[in-house]
Amino acid sequence: GSTASLYSSLGFNLSQLNRYSDGKYFLDKAYQLYENLDDSSNIAVSLKNMGFYYADLGYLALAEDNYKRSLKISFSQGDSTNIAAVLSSWSIVYSNKGQYDLAEKACLKALKFDKINVSVTYNNLGLVYSAWGLYDKAMDYYLKSLALKEEMGVSDLSSQLNNIANVYEQKGDYEKSLEYYKKSLSNAETIGADAYFEAIIINIMRTYYN
């Protein structure tokens, strides 16, 4: 099990670093090992990670297929933590498809299953409300997400800081927007999250232009 767990972590983290082919290799290896061990709980987690991988690459149908398979196993086992994680991740797919009503429902359902690991779900809800132009509501969830991550000592705050900046930009408060975009960029540099750099710099340039 420990080898499979290592492969799973490697696959997920490499994918987050945009090293997709390496990430897929280790995600597949982890899944095969968990299958051999007949470890249903971790098979479900592997399918969730695979869904996240495909969603990141824009293969939304494949992402949804993996999320669906993961949920089926987790529901049969009553694994509320993984159910919530899958639903929260699936909300991003719905948002990317413009199905914000389904994204909101997925997030709210996730919060019913897991009331502890909620920072990502709060962030995802913020994305939905921001898309609907409900900026105050979006800001509320982004700030909740940021506060929870800070309380837990999580170092990766770039997404929340970037989203807060975006709300300020949408509301026309460009000074505050720049402040938070710069915080987001600084955080991304600190943790070595190169994947964020280009998007944040584009956001900063756009805000300066405004």
Protein backbone atom coordinates (compact mmCIF):
# COMPACT_ATOMS: atom_id res chain seq x y z
CA GLY A 1 0.00 0.00 0.00
CA SER A 2 2.81 2.44 0.79
CA THR A 3 4.28 2.14 -2.74
CA ALA A 4 0.87 2.78 -4.26
CA SER A 5 0.39 5.78 -1.98
CA LEU A 6 3.77 7.18 -3.07
CA TYR A 7 2.88 6.69 -6.74
CA SER A 8 -0.48 8.38 -6.16
CA SER A 9 1.13 11.44 -4.51
CA LEU A 10 3.81 11.63 -7.19
CA GLY A 11 1.23 11.42 -9.98
CA PHE A 12 -0.96 14.11 -8.46
CA ASN A 13 1.90 16.51 -7.67
CA LEU A 14 3.61 16.09 -11.05
CA SER A 15 0.31 16.81 -12.78
CA GLN A 16 -0.05 19.98 -10.68
CA LEU A 17 3.39 21.02 -11.98
CA ASN A 18 2.11 20.55 -15.57
CA ARG A 19 4.29 17.44 -16.01
CA TYR A 20 1.28 15.60 -17.33
CA SER A 21 2.85 12.56 -18.98
CA ASP A 22 4.89 11.78 -15.85
CA GLY A 23 1.84 12.44 -13.69
CA LYS A 24 -0.32 10.08 -15.73
CA TYR A 25 2.32 7.34 -15.53
CA PHE A 26 2.33 7.37 -11.73
CA LEU A 27 -1.45 7.80 -11.42
CA ASP A 28 -1.89 4.70 -13.58
CA LYS A 29 0.69 2.76 -11.56
CA ALA A 30 -1.08 3.66 -8.30
CA TYR A 31 -4.46 2.63 -9.69
CA GLN A 32 -3.10 -0.74 -10.88
CA LEU A 33 -1.52 -1.46 -7.49
CA TYR A 34 -4.72 -0.58 -5.60
CA GLU A 35 -6.66 -2.82 -8.01
CA ASN A 36 -4.26 -5.68 -7.27
CA LEU A 37 -4.74 -5.07 -3.54
CA ASP A 38 -8.53 -4.85 -3.98
CA ASP A 39 -8.33 -1.60 -1.98
CA SER A 40 -11.68 -0.02 -2.87
CA SER A 41 -11.23 3.18 -0.84
CA ASN A 42 -7.97 4.05 -2.57
CA ILE A 43 -9.28 2.95 -5.97
CA ALA A 44 -11.93 5.65 -5.47
CA VAL A 45 -9.27 8.21 -4.53
CA SER A 46 -7.20 7.21 -7.59
CA LEU A 47 -10.22 7.68 -9.85
CA LYS A 48 -10.80 11.12 -8.29
CA ASN A 49 -7.16 12.07 -8.96
CA MET A 50 -7.48 10.81 -12.53
CA GLY A 51 -10.61 12.92 -12.94
CA PHE A 52 -8.71 15.95 -11.69
CA TYR A 53 -5.91 15.17 -14.16
CA TYR A 54 -8.29 15.00 -17.13
CA ALA A 55 -10.17 18.13 -16.01
CA ASP A 56 -6.88 20.04 -15.84
CA LEU A 57 -6.15 19.04 -19.44
CA GLY A 58 -9.66 20.04 -20.54
CA TYR A 59 -10.89 16.48 -21.19
CA LEU A 60 -14.12 17.13 -19.32
CA ALA A 61 -16.04 14.02 -20.41
CA LEU A 62 -13.18 11.78 -19.23
CA ALA A 63 -12.98 13.75 -15.99
CA GLU A 64 -16.69 13.26 -15.35
CA ASP A 65 -16.46 9.55 -16.11
CA ASN A 66 -13.73 9.11 -13.49
CA TYR A 67 -15.58 11.26 -10.94
CA LYS A 68 -18.73 9.19 -11.49
CA ARG A 69 -16.87 5.91 -10.94
CA SER A 70 -15.14 7.31 -7.85
CA LEU A 71 -18.44 8.51 -6.36
CA LYS A 72 -20.13 5.15 -6.93
CA ILE A 73 -17.45 3.37 -4.88
CA SER A 74 -17.34 6.04 -2.16
CA PHE A 75 -21.12 6.09 -1.74
CA SER A 76 -21.15 2.30 -1.39
CA GLN A 77 -18.53 2.60 1.37
CA GLY A 78 -19.89 5.72 3.05
CA ASP A 79 -16.58 7.55 2.51
CA SER A 80 -17.86 11.08 3.11
CA THR A 81 -14.42 12.72 2.75
CA ASN A 82 -13.86 11.43 -0.78
CA ILE A 83 -17.49 12.07 -1.74
CA ALA A 84 -17.06 15.73 -0.79
CA ALA A 85 -13.70 15.99 -2.57
CA VAL A 86 -15.14 14.52 -5.79
CA LEU A 87 -18.22 16.74 -5.72
CA SER A 88 -16.08 19.83 -5.14
CA SER A 89 -13.75 18.88 -8.01
CA TRP A 90 -16.72 18.08 -10.26
CA SER A 91 -18.07 21.59 -9.62
CA ILE A 92 -15.06 22.97 -11.51
CA VAL A 93 -15.96 20.85 -14.54
CA TYR A 94 -19.53 22.16 -14.39
CA SER A 95 -18.21 25.73 -14.14
CA ASN A 96 -15.92 25.17 -17.13
CA LYS A 97 -18.98 24.00 -19.09
CA GLY A 98 -20.93 27.09 -18.01
CA GLN A 99 -23.31 24.95 -15.91
CA TYR A 100 -23.07 27.15 -12.83
CA ASP A 101 -26.32 25.93 -11.29
CA LEU A 102 -24.95 22.38 -11.26
CA ALA A 103 -21.60 23.65 -9.96
CA GLU A 104 -23.33 25.39 -7.04
CA LYS A 105 -25.39 22.27 -6.25
CA ALA A 106 -22.25 20.08 -6.28
CA CYS A 107 -20.45 22.44 -3.87
CA LEU A 108 -23.38 22.73 -1.47
CA LYS A 109 -23.76 18.94 -1.50
CA ALA A 110 -20.02 18.57 -0.81
CA LEU A 111 -20.36 20.79 2.27
CA LYS A 112 -23.03 18.45 3.67
CA PHE A 113 -20.66 15.46 3.45
CA ASP A 114 -17.52 17.09 4.82
CA LYS A 115 -17.64 20.09 7.12
CA ILE A 116 -13.88 20.07 7.87
CA ASN A 117 -11.96 20.10 4.55
CA VAL A 118 -14.03 22.92 3.09
CA SER A 119 -11.50 25.55 1.93
CA VAL A 120 -11.40 24.27 -1.69
CA THR A 121 -15.19 24.01 -1.83
CA TYR A 122 -15.56 27.57 -0.53
CA ASN A 123 -13.15 28.74 -3.24
CA ASN A 124 -15.13 26.86 -5.90
CA LEU A 125 -18.39 28.40 -4.67
CA GLY A 126 -16.74 31.79 -4.96
CA LEU A 127 -16.02 31.06 -8.64
CA VAL A 128 -19.70 30.28 -9.24
CA TYR A 129 -20.96 33.45 -7.55
CA SER A 130 -18.32 35.55 -9.31
CA ALA A 131 -19.49 34.14 -12.67
CA TRP A 132 -23.03 35.18 -11.75
CA GLY A 133 -21.84 38.69 -10.87
CA LEU A 134 -22.59 38.20 -7.16
CA TYR A 135 -19.25 39.70 -6.20
CA ASP A 136 -19.92 40.33 -2.51
CA LYS A 137 -21.04 36.73 -2.04
CA ALA A 138 -18.04 35.50 -4.03
CA MET A 139 -15.69 37.61 -1.92
CA ASP A 140 -17.20 36.19 1.27
CA TYR A 141 -16.39 32.63 0.17
CA TYR A 142 -12.90 33.50 -1.11
CA LEU A 143 -12.04 35.15 2.21
CA LYS A 144 -13.40 32.15 4.15
CA SER A 145 -11.31 29.82 1.98
CA LEU A 146 -8.18 31.94 2.47
CA ALA A 147 -8.67 32.16 6.25
CA LEU A 148 -9.09 28.39 6.57
CA LYS A 149 -5.95 27.71 4.53
CA GLU A 150 -3.96 30.17 6.65
CA GLU A 151 -5.28 28.56 9.86
CA MET A 152 -4.18 25.13 8.60
CA GLY A 153 -0.73 26.45 7.67
CA VAL A 154 -1.22 25.68 3.96
CA SER A 155 1.41 27.52 1.91
CA ASP A 156 -0.40 27.55 -1.46
CA LEU A 157 -2.68 30.61 -1.26
CA SER A 158 -2.24 31.81 -4.86
CA SER A 159 -5.65 30.76 -6.13
CA GLN A 160 -7.57 32.45 -3.30
CA LEU A 161 -5.47 35.65 -3.50
CA ASN A 162 -5.89 35.75 -7.29
CA ASN A 163 -9.65 35.28 -7.02
CA ILE A 164 -9.96 38.02 -4.37
CA ALA A 165 -8.00 40.34 -6.68
CA ASN A 166 -10.34 39.46 -9.54
CA VAL A 167 -13.41 40.45 -7.50
CA TYR A 168 -11.83 43.82 -6.66
CA GLU A 169 -11.04 44.26 -10.36
CA GLN A 170 -14.63 43.44 -11.36
CA LYS A 171 -15.88 46.00 -8.82
CA GLY A 172 -13.51 48.65 -10.22
CA ASP A 173 -11.22 48.86 -7.19
CA TYR A 174 -8.00 48.55 -9.18
CA GLU A 175 -5.70 49.57 -6.33
CA LYS A 176 -6.93 46.72 -4.13
CA SER A 177 -6.96 44.40 -7.13
CA LEU A 178 -3.27 45.06 -7.85
CA GLU A 179 -2.42 44.59 -4.17
CA TYR A 180 -3.91 41.09 -4.17
CA TYR A 181 -2.60 40.10 -7.61
CA LYS A 182 0.90 41.01 -6.38
CA LYS A 183 0.34 38.98 -3.21
CA SER A 184 -0.78 36.06 -5.37
CA LEU A 185 2.31 36.34 -7.58
CA SER A 186 4.59 36.57 -4.54
CA ASN A 187 2.97 33.47 -3.04
CA ALA A 188 3.32 31.56 -6.32
CA GLU A 189 7.03 32.49 -6.46
CA THR A 190 7.55 31.41 -2.84
CA ILE A 191 6.06 27.95 -3.36
CA GLY A 192 7.49 27.52 -6.88
CA ALA A 193 4.07 27.29 -8.56
CA ASP A 194 5.29 28.20 -12.05
CA ALA A 195 1.94 27.19 -13.56
CA TYR A 196 0.30 30.26 -11.98
CA PHE A 197 2.84 32.86 -13.14
CA GLU A 198 1.61 33.60 -16.65
CA ALA A 199 -2.06 33.95 -15.68
CA ILE A 200 -1.30 36.21 -12.70
CA ILE A 201 1.08 38.43 -14.71
CA ILE A 202 -1.59 38.81 -17.43
CA ASN A 203 -4.08 39.80 -14.70
CA ILE A 204 -1.63 42.39 -13.31
CA MET A 205 -1.00 43.88 -16.77
CA ARG A 206 -4.73 44.07 -17.49
CA THR A 207 -5.37 45.83 -14.16
CA TYR A 208 -2.58 48.35 -14.80
CA TYR A 209 -4.15 49.07 -18.20
CA ASN A 210 -7.51 49.75 -16.52
